[in-house]
Amino acid sequence: MKTVSTTLEKFDSNLWQYHLPVPDDVATAFIEGDDRRVICKIATIRFHAALMKSKAYWFILLNTTLREKLGIQEGKKVTINLEKDRSEFGHDMPEELQVLLDQDEEGNKYFRSLTMGKQRSLVYIVTKVKNSNSRLNKALAIVEHLKEAKGTLDFKILNEKIKYYNNLGR
């Protein structure tokens, strides 16, 4: 684990905005091949992230939700603790999705055939929901979508399926 003192900065970009610069020597110590995933801890909040590279330096993106939870504004000094993310998907696998994949061989096959980035996105879609019932609905929608589309992921169609499953639970 490494502790870094940094300052919240903002890019002049529509794509990336608030971020925490990370010194080169610290960032490169966590990079293993193409794997740049780390776990960050700021105060009491722990989150999964990727080390990103701008032209000038390494950084970690900080979204609006995290900034608001932490009460951090641009220019504020921040102490972050970093450790290598050894999780399979860059997020904790939600139990609801894991159980479905364990029970559905075809759905699991299609899920595992996706790129790591797409797997991570699907895990995150389920993980970000607090309510267990909603996580289960999202997991069901994902597995059914993958089976119906024979492993081809179409987020627009998936979002419609998630809405359908969410409405079933009402």
C-alpha atoms as a PDB file:
ATOM      1  CA  MET A   1       0.000   0.000   0.000  1.00  0.00           C
ATOM      2  CA  LYS A   2       1.193   3.493  -0.824  1.00  0.00           C
ATOM      3  CA  THR A   3      -0.009   6.770   0.625  1.00  0.00           C
ATOM      4  CA  VAL A   4       0.028   9.777  -1.685  1.00  0.00           C
ATOM      5  CA  SER A   5      -0.710  13.436  -0.998  1.00  0.00           C
ATOM      6  CA  THR A   6      -2.213  15.089  -4.065  1.00  0.00           C
ATOM      7  CA  THR A   7      -4.607  17.856  -5.120  1.00  0.00           C
ATOM      8  CA  LEU A   8      -7.974  17.551  -6.854  1.00  0.00           C
ATOM      9  CA  GLU A   9      -7.599  19.023 -10.331  1.00  0.00           C
ATOM     10  CA  LYS A  10      -9.912  19.527 -13.304  1.00  0.00           C
ATOM     11  CA  PHE A  11      -9.158  18.920 -16.980  1.00  0.00           C
ATOM     12  CA  ASP A  12     -10.405  21.416 -19.524  1.00  0.00           C
ATOM     13  CA  SER A  13     -12.300  18.660 -21.335  1.00  0.00           C
ATOM     14  CA  ASN A  14     -15.837  17.417 -21.871  1.00  0.00           C
ATOM     15  CA  LEU A  15     -14.681  13.803 -21.553  1.00  0.00           C
ATOM     16  CA  TRP A  16     -12.608  13.799 -18.363  1.00  0.00           C
ATOM     17  CA  GLN A  17     -12.983  16.270 -15.572  1.00  0.00           C
ATOM     18  CA  TYR A  18     -12.002  15.933 -11.920  1.00  0.00           C
ATOM     19  CA  HIS A  19      -8.994  13.797 -11.170  1.00  0.00           C
ATOM     20  CA  LEU A  20      -6.223  13.139  -8.691  1.00  0.00           C
ATOM     21  CA  PRO A  21      -2.687  13.235 -10.112  1.00  0.00           C
ATOM     22  CA  VAL A  22      -0.473  10.313  -9.059  1.00  0.00           C
ATOM     23  CA  PRO A  23       3.343  10.531  -9.177  1.00  0.00           C
ATOM     24  CA  ASP A  24       4.936   8.451 -11.957  1.00  0.00           C
ATOM     25  CA  ASP A  25       6.958   6.265  -9.579  1.00  0.00           C
ATOM     26  CA  VAL A  26       3.844   5.402  -7.547  1.00  0.00           C
ATOM     27  CA  ALA A  27       1.686   4.703 -10.611  1.00  0.00           C
ATOM     28  CA  THR A  28       4.260   2.507 -12.341  1.00  0.00           C
ATOM     29  CA  ALA A  29       4.718   0.466  -9.148  1.00  0.00           C
ATOM     30  CA  PHE A  30       1.075  -0.686  -9.482  1.00  0.00           C
ATOM     31  CA  ILE A  31       1.030  -1.372 -13.220  1.00  0.00           C
ATOM     32  CA  GLU A  32       1.386  -5.005 -14.270  1.00  0.00           C
ATOM     33  CA  GLY A  33       1.324  -5.334 -18.063  1.00  0.00           C
ATOM     34  CA  ASP A  34      -2.001  -3.874 -19.207  1.00  0.00           C
ATOM     35  CA  ASP A  35      -3.483  -4.090 -15.701  1.00  0.00           C
ATOM     36  CA  ARG A  36      -3.707  -0.601 -14.190  1.00  0.00           C
ATOM     37  CA  ARG A  37      -6.478  -1.321 -11.634  1.00  0.00           C
ATOM     38  CA  VAL A  38      -6.058  -0.045  -8.070  1.00  0.00           C
ATOM     39  CA  ILE A  39      -8.160   0.300  -4.959  1.00  0.00           C
ATOM     40  CA  CYS A  40      -8.213   3.829  -3.561  1.00  0.00           C
ATOM     41  CA  LYS A  41      -9.116   4.847  -0.054  1.00  0.00           C
ATOM     42  CA  ILE A  42      -9.840   8.477   0.767  1.00  0.00           C
ATOM     43  CA  ALA A  43     -10.932   9.072   4.365  1.00  0.00           C
ATOM     44  CA  THR A  44     -13.388   6.184   4.981  1.00  0.00           C
ATOM     45  CA  ILE A  45     -14.417   5.671   1.356  1.00  0.00           C
ATOM     46  CA  ARG A  46     -12.858   2.834  -0.624  1.00  0.00           C
ATOM     47  CA  PHE A  47     -13.359   2.475  -4.382  1.00  0.00           C
ATOM     48  CA  HIS A  48     -11.975   0.651  -7.411  1.00  0.00           C
ATOM     49  CA  ALA A  49     -10.258   2.747 -10.079  1.00  0.00           C
ATOM     50  CA  ALA A  50      -7.829   2.641 -12.980  1.00  0.00           C
ATOM     51  CA  LEU A  51      -4.597   4.559 -13.296  1.00  0.00           C
ATOM     52  CA  MET A  52      -4.945   6.719 -16.404  1.00  0.00           C
ATOM     53  CA  LYS A  53      -2.223   8.546 -18.311  1.00  0.00           C
ATOM     54  CA  SER A  54      -2.491  12.073 -19.699  1.00  0.00           C
ATOM     55  CA  LYS A  55       0.303  13.521 -21.808  1.00  0.00           C
ATOM     56  CA  ALA A  56       1.935  14.901 -18.681  1.00  0.00           C
ATOM     57  CA  TYR A  57       1.124  12.575 -15.776  1.00  0.00           C
ATOM     58  CA  TRP A  58      -0.779   9.622 -14.290  1.00  0.00           C
ATOM     59  CA  PHE A  59      -4.130  10.234 -12.593  1.00  0.00           C
ATOM     60  CA  ILE A  60      -7.254   8.676 -11.091  1.00  0.00           C
ATOM     61  CA  LEU A  61     -10.671   9.966 -12.104  1.00  0.00           C
ATOM     62  CA  LEU A  62     -13.004  11.057  -9.315  1.00  0.00           C
ATOM     63  CA  ASN A  63     -16.702  11.171 -10.207  1.00  0.00           C
ATOM     64  CA  THR A  64     -19.275  13.635  -8.916  1.00  0.00           C
ATOM     65  CA  THR A  65     -20.808  11.183  -6.436  1.00  0.00           C
ATOM     66  CA  LEU A  66     -17.453  10.490  -4.767  1.00  0.00           C
ATOM     67  CA  ARG A  67     -16.485  14.173  -4.743  1.00  0.00           C
ATOM     68  CA  GLU A  68     -19.766  15.074  -3.059  1.00  0.00           C
ATOM     69  CA  LYS A  69     -19.512  12.243  -0.499  1.00  0.00           C
ATOM     70  CA  LEU A  70     -15.978  13.349   0.366  1.00  0.00           C
ATOM     71  CA  GLY A  71     -16.740  17.072   0.216  1.00  0.00           C
ATOM     72  CA  ILE A  72     -13.747  17.716  -2.043  1.00  0.00           C
ATOM     73  CA  GLN A  73     -13.496  20.764  -4.283  1.00  0.00           C
ATOM     74  CA  GLU A  74     -10.993  21.601  -7.005  1.00  0.00           C
ATOM     75  CA  GLY A  75      -7.633  22.630  -5.543  1.00  0.00           C
ATOM     76  CA  LYS A  76      -8.175  20.786  -2.244  1.00  0.00           C
ATOM     77  CA  LYS A  77      -5.312  18.646  -0.899  1.00  0.00           C
ATOM     78  CA  VAL A  78      -6.234  14.985  -0.597  1.00  0.00           C
ATOM     79  CA  THR A  79      -4.451  12.003   0.940  1.00  0.00           C
ATOM     80  CA  ILE A  80      -5.118   8.761  -0.920  1.00  0.00           C
ATOM     81  CA  ASN A  81      -4.093   5.237   0.011  1.00  0.00           C
ATOM     82  CA  LEU A  82      -3.529   2.992  -2.995  1.00  0.00           C
ATOM     83  CA  GLU A  83      -3.261  -0.775  -3.213  1.00  0.00           C
ATOM     84  CA  LYS A  84      -3.224  -3.157  -6.160  1.00  0.00           C
ATOM     85  CA  ASP A  85      -6.720  -4.295  -7.160  1.00  0.00           C
ATOM     86  CA  ARG A  86      -6.585  -8.085  -7.275  1.00  0.00           C
ATOM     87  CA  SER A  87     -10.335  -8.535  -7.815  1.00  0.00           C
ATOM     88  CA  GLU A  88     -11.339 -10.431 -10.942  1.00  0.00           C
ATOM     89  CA  PHE A  89     -13.565  -7.691 -12.357  1.00  0.00           C
ATOM     90  CA  GLY A  90     -12.259  -4.440 -10.897  1.00  0.00           C
ATOM     91  CA  HIS A  91     -15.353  -4.395  -8.667  1.00  0.00           C
ATOM     92  CA  ASP A  92     -16.677  -6.756  -6.035  1.00  0.00           C
ATOM     93  CA  MET A  93     -18.876  -9.336  -7.760  1.00  0.00           C
ATOM     94  CA  PRO A  94     -22.468  -8.900  -6.517  1.00  0.00           C
ATOM     95  CA  GLU A  95     -23.869 -12.088  -5.012  1.00  0.00           C
ATOM     96  CA  GLU A  96     -27.022 -11.864  -7.139  1.00  0.00           C
ATOM     97  CA  LEU A  97     -25.073 -11.932 -10.412  1.00  0.00           C
ATOM     98  CA  GLN A  98     -22.645 -14.605  -9.186  1.00  0.00           C
ATOM     99  CA  VAL A  99     -25.492 -16.951  -8.193  1.00  0.00           C
ATOM    100  CA  LEU A 100     -27.168 -16.540 -11.602  1.00  0.00           C
ATOM    101  CA  LEU A 101     -23.910 -17.184 -13.464  1.00  0.00           C
ATOM    102  CA  ASP A 102     -23.224 -20.242 -11.277  1.00  0.00           C
ATOM    103  CA  GLN A 103     -26.688 -21.639 -12.062  1.00  0.00           C
ATOM    104  CA  ASP A 104     -26.888 -20.758 -15.760  1.00  0.00           C
ATOM    105  CA  GLU A 105     -24.170 -22.455 -17.821  1.00  0.00           C
ATOM    106  CA  GLU A 106     -25.157 -20.751 -21.082  1.00  0.00           C
ATOM    107  CA  GLY A 107     -25.356 -17.280 -19.505  1.00  0.00           C
ATOM    108  CA  ASN A 108     -22.003 -17.823 -17.768  1.00  0.00           C
ATOM    109  CA  LYS A 109     -20.394 -18.932 -21.054  1.00  0.00           C
ATOM    110  CA  TYR A 110     -21.555 -15.766 -22.833  1.00  0.00           C
ATOM    111  CA  PHE A 111     -20.545 -13.552 -19.895  1.00  0.00           C
ATOM    112  CA  ARG A 112     -17.045 -15.086 -19.792  1.00  0.00           C
ATOM    113  CA  SER A 113     -16.661 -14.655 -23.565  1.00  0.00           C
ATOM    114  CA  LEU A 114     -16.945 -10.857 -23.227  1.00  0.00           C
ATOM    115  CA  THR A 115     -13.862  -8.658 -22.911  1.00  0.00           C
ATOM    116  CA  MET A 116     -12.734  -7.865 -19.358  1.00  0.00           C
ATOM    117  CA  GLY A 117     -13.893  -4.271 -19.841  1.00  0.00           C
ATOM    118  CA  LYS A 118     -17.420  -5.368 -20.797  1.00  0.00           C
ATOM    119  CA  GLN A 119     -17.530  -7.852 -17.922  1.00  0.00           C
ATOM    120  CA  ARG A 120     -16.424  -5.079 -15.555  1.00  0.00           C
ATOM    121  CA  SER A 121     -19.151  -2.769 -16.953  1.00  0.00           C
ATOM    122  CA  LEU A 122     -21.853  -5.386 -16.385  1.00  0.00           C
ATOM    123  CA  VAL A 123     -20.629  -6.125 -12.863  1.00  0.00           C
ATOM    124  CA  TYR A 124     -20.660  -2.381 -12.146  1.00  0.00           C
ATOM    125  CA  ILE A 125     -24.223  -1.999 -13.487  1.00  0.00           C
ATOM    126  CA  VAL A 126     -25.375  -4.519 -10.859  1.00  0.00           C
ATOM    127  CA  THR A 127     -23.003  -3.372  -8.088  1.00  0.00           C
ATOM    128  CA  LYS A 128     -24.010   0.291  -8.133  1.00  0.00           C
ATOM    129  CA  VAL A 129     -27.567  -0.536  -7.014  1.00  0.00           C
ATOM    130  CA  LYS A 130     -28.099  -0.635  -3.235  1.00  0.00           C
ATOM    131  CA  ASN A 131     -31.364  -2.615  -3.172  1.00  0.00           C
ATOM    132  CA  SER A 132     -30.924  -6.406  -3.406  1.00  0.00           C
ATOM    133  CA  ASN A 133     -34.172  -6.839  -5.384  1.00  0.00           C
ATOM    134  CA  SER A 134     -33.025  -4.283  -7.967  1.00  0.00           C
ATOM    135  CA  ARG A 135     -29.600  -5.961  -8.192  1.00  0.00           C
ATOM    136  CA  LEU A 136     -31.340  -9.279  -8.860  1.00  0.00           C
ATOM    137  CA  ASN A 137     -33.540  -7.712 -11.571  1.00  0.00           C
ATOM    138  CA  LYS A 138     -30.495  -6.196 -13.277  1.00  0.00           C
ATOM    139  CA  ALA A 139     -28.582  -9.476 -13.045  1.00  0.00           C
ATOM    140  CA  LEU A 140     -31.538 -11.397 -14.537  1.00  0.00           C
ATOM    141  CA  ALA A 141     -31.840  -8.858 -17.361  1.00  0.00           C
ATOM    142  CA  ILE A 142     -28.110  -9.098 -18.135  1.00  0.00           C
ATOM    143  CA  VAL A 143     -28.014 -12.900 -18.235  1.00  0.00           C
ATOM    144  CA  GLU A 144     -31.191 -13.101 -20.352  1.00  0.00           C
ATOM    145  CA  HIS A 145     -29.908 -10.423 -22.740  1.00  0.00           C
ATOM    146  CA  LEU A 146     -26.600 -12.259 -23.231  1.00  0.00           C
ATOM    147  CA  LYS A 147     -28.418 -15.510 -23.971  1.00  0.00           C
ATOM    148  CA  GLU A 148     -30.919 -13.931 -26.369  1.00  0.00           C
ATOM    149  CA  ALA A 149     -28.143 -12.016 -28.188  1.00  0.00           C
ATOM    150  CA  LYS A 150     -25.835 -15.071 -28.213  1.00  0.00           C
ATOM    151  CA  GLY A 151     -23.159 -13.160 -26.280  1.00  0.00           C
ATOM    152  CA  THR A 152     -23.345  -9.923 -28.262  1.00  0.00           C
ATOM    153  CA  LEU A 153     -23.680  -7.013 -25.855  1.00  0.00           C
ATOM    154  CA  ASP A 154     -25.934  -4.157 -26.970  1.00  0.00           C
ATOM    155  CA  PHE A 155     -26.304  -1.640 -24.142  1.00  0.00           C
ATOM    156  CA  LYS A 156     -29.368   0.037 -25.689  1.00  0.00           C
ATOM    157  CA  ILE A 157     -31.268  -3.264 -25.831  1.00  0.00           C
ATOM    158  CA  LEU A 158     -29.908  -4.249 -22.412  1.00  0.00           C
ATOM    159  CA  ASN A 159     -31.219  -1.009 -20.876  1.00  0.00           C
ATOM    160  CA  GLU A 160     -34.687  -1.765 -22.277  1.00  0.00           C
ATOM    161  CA  LYS A 161     -34.527  -5.274 -20.806  1.00  0.00           C
ATOM    162  CA  ILE A 162     -33.452  -3.857 -17.424  1.00  0.00           C
ATOM    163  CA  LYS A 163     -36.448  -1.478 -17.476  1.00  0.00           C
ATOM    164  CA  TYR A 164     -38.716  -4.418 -18.311  1.00  0.00           C
ATOM    165  CA  TYR A 165     -37.365  -6.511 -15.413  1.00  0.00           C
ATOM    166  CA  ASN A 166     -37.586  -3.544 -13.016  1.00  0.00           C
ATOM    167  CA  ASN A 167     -41.247  -3.046 -13.954  1.00  0.00           C
ATOM    168  CA  LEU A 168     -42.000  -6.729 -13.280  1.00  0.00           C
ATOM    169  CA  GLY A 169     -40.998  -6.220  -9.655  1.00  0.00           C
ATOM    170  CA  ARG A 170     -43.545  -3.452  -9.056  1.00  0.00           C
END
